[in-house]
Amino acid sequence: MRSVIDIVDLSVKELDELMKTACDIIENPEKYQEVCKHKKLATLFFEPSTRTRLSFEAAMYELGGNVISVSSAGASSAAKGESVADTAKTVSCYADIIAMRHPKEGAALVASRAATIPVINAGDGGHNHPTQTLADLLTIYREKGHMDNLTIGLCGDLKFGRTVHSLINAMSRYDNIRFVLISPEELKVPSYVKKDVLQKKGIPYLQTTDLETAMPELDILYMTRVQRERFFNEEDYLRLKDSYILTPQKLRNAKDDLAIMHPLPRVNEISIAIDDDPRACYFKQVLNGKYMRMALILKLLKEAGTI
């Protein structure tokens, strides 16, 4: 049974096909209004979420399907000690596809191995968040018109940011991509990401703590929040949380066609004064995420022979 746990589970050809389907959904929504009629998506969210959960649910409803859900670990049998595998087997009896978020890395993989229906990883700890990456890819494509020849700045929490790790994995498969990794020393991209992805593929990258110096060369600026929930020490979080705050002043040397992205929720990383800047794309990302989740649900249900 095909599941999507990591963005690399999808080939570049499949990523391009998903973006093509998403663009068709945008252009011809009526064509897709009943393709998942009588099908059910189970959303199993054992960690707080607004955008991702509602995006999956909106995606399924707009495809004509239905949604059943678990909104928290405390509202499920996980509170009684039920394993992820047993939960996945049980939910497979009720639904046609699962979207799962869990605080533990690897939980979605365990679920996919136990389930008899497709499982989509909606975020597992600090590890992967493939459907956010799909939203990011469609945003880049719609803003830039191409996926190659780009300099991408990633700024903020690059250590725990699962969206960052997934985006590096995805974009490193396109041609002539360069990364600028902007973070405090304590929140640098993990060495395994640099070794296994960037260095292994010969992708050029620069590590720096200085956002403003890097700004003029960026085509994409991907801001991230410093995540309180990933820290063991509150003092470290408080010291680092406002390391980078994007303001109009910091954009004075940026390209006119820079695309400013953020997986949201934002805290202080982007001043609200930037929301009206035509280069701000973070709310477009939210909408693009719904379309890409629609495309992915369609793909997996078709491959499962369910629709």
Protein backbone atom coordinates (compact mmCIF):
# COMPACT_ATOMS: atom_id res chain seq x y z
CA MET A 1 0.00 0.00 0.00
CA ARG A 2 1.52 3.34 -1.09
CA SER A 3 1.98 5.95 1.63
CA VAL A 4 3.88 9.26 1.74
CA ILE A 5 6.03 9.60 4.85
CA ASP A 6 8.98 11.56 3.48
CA ILE A 7 9.11 13.97 0.53
CA VAL A 8 11.67 11.66 -1.12
CA ASP A 9 8.94 9.01 -1.34
CA LEU A 10 7.83 11.05 -4.35
CA SER A 11 10.00 11.24 -7.46
CA VAL A 12 10.64 14.56 -9.22
CA LYS A 13 8.30 13.38 -11.96
CA GLU A 14 5.60 12.72 -9.38
CA LEU A 15 6.17 16.11 -7.74
CA ASP A 16 5.76 17.79 -11.11
CA GLU A 17 2.60 15.75 -11.80
CA LEU A 18 1.13 16.72 -8.42
CA MET A 19 1.80 20.40 -9.18
CA LYS A 20 0.16 19.98 -12.58
CA THR A 21 -2.91 18.38 -10.96
CA ALA A 22 -3.05 21.14 -8.33
CA CYS A 23 -2.95 23.81 -11.04
CA ASP A 24 -5.79 22.02 -12.85
CA ILE A 25 -7.81 21.96 -9.62
CA ILE A 26 -7.27 25.71 -9.29
CA GLU A 27 -8.41 26.29 -12.88
CA ASN A 28 -11.25 23.75 -12.96
CA PRO A 29 -12.54 23.14 -9.40
CA GLU A 30 -15.93 21.84 -10.58
CA LYS A 31 -14.19 18.91 -12.29
CA TYR A 32 -13.09 17.56 -8.91
CA GLN A 33 -16.15 18.21 -6.75
CA GLU A 34 -17.31 14.58 -6.52
CA VAL A 35 -14.25 12.46 -7.30
CA CYS A 36 -14.00 11.27 -3.68
CA LYS A 37 -17.72 10.91 -3.07
CA HIS A 38 -18.41 8.34 -0.31
CA LYS A 39 -14.70 8.16 0.60
CA LYS A 40 -13.44 8.98 4.08
CA LEU A 41 -10.26 10.66 5.28
CA ALA A 42 -9.25 9.98 8.89
CA THR A 43 -7.24 12.82 10.44
CA LEU A 44 -5.22 11.54 13.40
CA PHE A 45 -3.60 14.55 15.03
CA PHE A 46 -1.74 13.79 18.26
CA GLU A 47 -0.07 17.22 18.23
CA PRO A 48 -1.69 20.69 17.94
CA SER A 49 -2.35 21.95 14.42
CA THR A 50 -4.54 24.53 12.75
CA ARG A 51 -3.45 24.90 9.12
CA THR A 52 -2.44 21.33 8.35
CA ARG A 53 -5.47 19.67 9.90
CA LEU A 54 -8.01 22.10 8.46
CA SER A 55 -6.23 22.02 5.12
CA PHE A 56 -6.54 18.22 4.90
CA GLU A 57 -10.18 18.38 5.94
CA ALA A 58 -11.00 21.17 3.48
CA ALA A 59 -9.16 19.25 0.74
CA MET A 60 -11.25 16.10 1.30
CA TYR A 61 -14.53 18.02 1.50
CA GLU A 62 -13.76 19.88 -1.73
CA LEU A 63 -13.15 16.52 -3.41
CA GLY A 64 -16.63 15.46 -2.31
CA GLY A 65 -15.45 13.14 0.46
CA ASN A 66 -16.00 12.98 4.20
CA VAL A 67 -13.73 13.32 7.24
CA ILE A 68 -13.52 11.49 10.56
CA SER A 69 -11.02 12.73 13.09
CA VAL A 70 -9.04 12.42 16.28
CA SER A 71 -8.11 15.89 17.50
CA SER A 72 -5.64 15.02 20.26
CA ALA A 73 -3.86 12.13 21.94
CA GLY A 74 -6.03 12.66 25.01
CA ALA A 75 -9.16 12.11 22.94
CA SER A 76 -7.98 8.77 21.57
CA SER A 77 -7.07 5.33 22.86
CA ALA A 78 -3.45 6.49 22.81
CA ALA A 79 -4.30 7.92 26.24
CA LYS A 80 -4.93 4.33 27.34
CA GLY A 81 -1.60 3.18 25.99
CA GLU A 82 -2.67 1.91 22.56
CA SER A 83 0.25 1.67 20.14
CA VAL A 84 0.49 3.67 16.93
CA ALA A 85 0.41 0.42 14.94
CA ASP A 86 -2.81 -0.76 16.59
CA THR A 87 -4.42 2.64 16.09
CA ALA A 88 -3.51 2.53 12.37
CA LYS A 89 -4.92 -1.01 11.98
CA THR A 90 -8.13 0.02 13.71
CA VAL A 91 -8.65 3.21 11.73
CA SER A 92 -8.03 1.28 8.51
CA CYS A 93 -11.37 -0.43 9.20
CA TYR A 94 -13.20 2.91 9.15
CA ALA A 95 -11.56 5.08 6.49
CA ASP A 96 -10.00 5.03 3.02
CA ILE A 97 -6.93 7.16 3.78
CA ILE A 98 -5.19 8.55 6.88
CA ALA A 99 -3.47 11.89 7.52
CA MET A 100 -1.42 11.62 10.72
CA ARG A 101 0.53 14.08 12.87
CA HIS A 102 2.52 12.79 15.82
CA PRO A 103 5.16 14.30 18.13
CA LYS A 104 7.47 11.29 17.78
CA GLU A 105 9.81 10.92 14.82
CA GLY A 106 9.03 7.76 12.89
CA ALA A 107 5.45 7.39 14.14
CA ALA A 108 3.97 7.90 10.68
CA LEU A 109 6.27 5.23 9.24
CA VAL A 110 5.15 2.77 11.92
CA ALA A 111 1.53 3.61 11.13
CA SER A 112 2.05 3.12 7.38
CA ARG A 113 3.51 -0.34 7.92
CA ALA A 114 0.52 -1.41 10.02
CA ALA A 115 -2.29 0.27 8.08
CA THR A 116 -4.11 -1.36 5.17
CA ILE A 117 -4.91 2.04 3.64
CA PRO A 118 -2.60 4.89 2.51
CA VAL A 119 -1.03 7.01 5.25
CA ILE A 120 0.10 10.61 4.71
CA ASN A 121 2.60 11.99 7.20
CA ALA A 122 1.23 15.34 8.39
CA GLY A 123 4.33 15.96 10.53
CA ASP A 124 6.33 13.66 12.81
CA GLY A 125 8.24 15.52 15.50
CA GLY A 126 11.23 17.43 14.12
CA HIS A 127 11.67 14.95 11.29
CA ASN A 128 9.45 15.34 8.20
CA HIS A 129 6.48 17.33 6.99
CA PRO A 130 6.08 16.33 3.33
CA THR A 131 2.75 18.00 2.60
CA GLN A 132 4.04 21.35 3.85
CA THR A 133 6.85 20.85 1.35
CA LEU A 134 4.29 20.21 -1.37
CA ALA A 135 2.69 23.54 -0.46
CA ASP A 136 6.13 25.16 -0.60
CA LEU A 137 6.93 23.66 -4.01
CA LEU A 138 3.67 24.81 -5.58
CA THR A 139 4.24 28.29 -4.15
CA ILE A 140 7.74 28.45 -5.63
CA TYR A 141 6.45 27.21 -8.98
CA ARG A 142 3.54 29.66 -9.10
CA GLU A 143 5.68 32.61 -8.01
CA LYS A 144 8.77 31.86 -10.11
CA GLY A 145 7.38 29.85 -13.01
CA HIS A 146 10.22 27.31 -12.72
CA MET A 147 11.93 25.11 -10.13
CA ASP A 148 15.56 25.43 -11.18
CA ASN A 149 18.28 28.14 -11.11
CA LEU A 150 17.27 29.49 -7.69
CA THR A 151 19.11 30.71 -4.60
CA ILE A 152 17.07 29.79 -1.55
CA GLY A 153 17.65 31.39 1.84
CA LEU A 154 16.47 29.38 4.85
CA CYS A 155 16.37 31.46 8.01
CA GLY A 156 15.71 30.75 11.69
CA ASP A 157 15.45 27.36 13.34
CA LEU A 158 17.20 25.09 10.85
CA LYS A 159 17.99 22.42 13.45
CA PHE A 160 14.50 21.37 14.53
CA GLY A 161 12.56 22.74 11.57
CA ARG A 162 11.08 19.70 9.82
CA THR A 163 9.76 21.93 7.01
CA VAL A 164 13.33 23.07 6.31
CA HIS A 165 14.70 19.52 6.17
CA SER A 166 11.95 18.40 3.79
CA LEU A 167 12.37 21.45 1.54
CA ILE A 168 16.14 20.91 1.27
CA ASN A 169 15.47 17.30 0.29
CA ALA A 170 12.93 18.29 -2.35
CA MET A 171 14.65 21.30 -3.94
CA SER A 172 18.06 19.61 -4.04
CA ARG A 173 16.67 17.37 -6.80
CA TYR A 174 16.16 20.28 -9.18
CA ASP A 175 18.93 21.81 -11.32
CA ASN A 176 21.26 24.61 -10.27
CA ILE A 177 19.86 25.15 -6.78
CA ARG A 178 21.93 26.92 -4.12
CA PHE A 179 21.10 27.27 -0.43
CA VAL A 180 22.00 30.02 2.04
CA LEU A 181 21.53 28.67 5.58
CA ILE A 182 20.94 31.53 8.03
CA SER A 183 20.69 30.68 11.73
CA PRO A 184 22.23 31.09 15.17
CA GLU A 185 25.11 28.69 15.79
CA GLU A 186 22.91 26.62 18.11
CA LEU A 187 20.20 26.11 15.46
CA LYS A 188 22.25 25.19 12.39
CA VAL A 189 21.09 22.57 9.90
CA PRO A 190 21.87 19.11 11.31
CA SER A 191 25.10 17.57 10.06
CA TYR A 192 23.26 14.57 8.61
CA VAL A 193 21.23 16.86 6.31
CA LYS A 194 24.40 18.56 5.09
CA LYS A 195 26.25 15.26 4.66
CA ASP A 196 23.48 13.06 3.24
CA VAL A 197 21.81 15.63 1.00
CA LEU A 198 23.86 18.75 0.26
CA GLN A 199 27.39 17.34 0.23
CA LYS A 200 26.39 13.99 -1.24
CA LYS A 201 24.70 15.71 -4.19
CA GLY A 202 27.30 18.45 -4.54
CA ILE A 203 24.74 21.18 -3.84
CA PRO A 204 26.45 24.53 -3.10
CA TYR A 205 25.52 26.10 0.22
CA LEU A 206 26.64 28.89 2.51
CA GLN A 207 26.19 28.94 6.28
CA THR A 208 25.91 32.35 7.94
CA THR A 209 24.41 34.13 10.92
CA ASP A 210 23.87 37.35 8.92
CA LEU A 211 20.52 37.70 7.14
CA GLU A 212 21.01 41.21 5.78
CA THR A 213 24.33 40.46 4.07
CA ALA A 214 22.80 37.42 2.34
CA MET A 215 19.58 39.20 1.31
CA PRO A 216 20.58 40.68 -2.11
CA GLU A 217 21.34 37.29 -3.67
CA LEU A 218 18.16 35.48 -2.59
CA ASP A 219 15.33 34.45 -4.93
CA ILE A 220 13.42 32.79 -2.08
CA LEU A 221 13.53 33.70 1.60
CA TYR A 222 12.03 30.96 3.76
CA MET A 223 11.55 32.21 7.32
CA THR A 224 10.88 29.84 10.22
CA ARG A 225 9.96 30.30 13.85
CA VAL A 226 12.09 29.13 16.74
CA GLN A 227 9.92 26.33 18.10
CA ARG A 228 9.39 26.39 21.86
CA GLU A 229 8.04 22.82 21.79
CA ARG A 230 11.37 21.43 20.51
CA PHE A 231 13.45 22.90 23.36
CA PHE A 232 14.32 21.12 26.58
CA ASN A 233 15.54 24.35 28.18
CA GLU A 234 13.26 27.39 28.43
CA GLU A 235 16.23 29.71 28.88
CA ASP A 236 17.71 28.60 25.55
CA TYR A 237 14.37 29.18 23.83
CA LEU A 238 13.98 32.69 25.27
CA ARG A 239 17.54 33.57 24.28
CA LEU A 240 17.11 32.47 20.67
CA LYS A 241 13.44 33.07 19.86
CA ASP A 242 13.86 36.55 18.38
CA SER A 243 17.16 35.93 16.60
CA TYR A 244 15.76 37.00 13.23
CA ILE A 245 12.85 39.37 12.74
CA LEU A 246 12.14 40.34 9.13
CA THR A 247 11.24 44.03 8.79
CA PRO A 248 10.83 46.36 5.79
CA GLN A 249 14.25 47.83 6.63
CA LYS A 250 15.91 44.44 6.20
CA LEU A 251 14.33 44.09 2.76
CA ARG A 252 15.80 47.32 1.41
CA ASN A 253 18.47 45.44 -0.61
CA ALA A 254 16.30 42.45 -1.55
CA LYS A 255 15.35 41.59 -5.12
CA ASP A 256 12.12 43.06 -6.44
CA ASP A 257 10.83 39.57 -7.20
CA LEU A 258 11.95 37.93 -3.95
CA ALA A 259 9.38 35.41 -2.67
CA ILE A 260 9.02 35.60 1.14
CA MET A 261 7.74 32.33 2.55
CA HIS A 262 6.94 30.95 6.01
CA PRO A 263 5.29 27.62 6.96
CA LEU A 264 3.32 29.38 9.74
CA PRO A 265 2.40 29.88 12.50
CA ARG A 266 4.58 32.94 12.80
CA VAL A 267 5.33 34.50 16.15
CA ASN A 268 7.75 37.42 15.73
CA GLU A 269 9.78 36.31 12.70
CA ILE A 270 8.00 38.50 10.15
CA SER A 271 6.72 41.97 10.96
CA ILE A 272 3.05 42.46 10.07
CA ALA A 273 4.26 45.53 8.14
CA ILE A 274 5.45 43.08 5.46
CA ASP A 275 2.02 41.48 4.97
CA ASP A 276 1.08 44.08 2.35
CA ASP A 277 4.39 43.74 0.48
CA PRO A 278 3.69 42.03 -2.89
CA ARG A 279 6.64 39.73 -2.19
CA ALA A 280 4.90 38.20 0.86
CA CYS A 281 3.76 34.70 -0.09
CA TYR A 282 3.06 32.98 3.22
CA PHE A 283 -0.73 33.15 3.05
CA LYS A 284 -0.57 32.01 -0.57
CA GLN A 285 1.34 29.00 0.77
CA VAL A 286 -1.62 28.14 2.97
CA LEU A 287 -3.99 28.05 0.00
CA ASN A 288 -1.48 26.19 -2.17
CA GLY A 289 -1.23 23.57 0.60
CA LYS A 290 -4.91 22.75 0.25
CA TYR A 291 -4.60 22.25 -3.50
CA MET A 292 -1.52 20.03 -3.18
CA ARG A 293 -3.18 17.93 -0.47
CA MET A 294 -6.15 17.49 -2.78
CA ALA A 295 -3.78 16.33 -5.53
CA LEU A 296 -1.99 13.92 -3.18
CA ILE A 297 -5.20 12.42 -1.80
CA LEU A 298 -6.36 11.83 -5.38
CA LYS A 299 -3.07 10.22 -6.36
CA LEU A 300 -2.94 7.82 -3.42
CA LEU A 301 -6.59 6.78 -3.64
CA LYS A 302 -6.22 6.16 -7.38
CA GLU A 303 -3.10 4.05 -6.81
CA ALA A 304 -4.95 2.11 -4.08
CA GLY A 305 -7.76 1.41 -6.57
CA THR A 306 -10.26 3.13 -4.30
CA ILE A 307 -11.40 5.73 -6.86
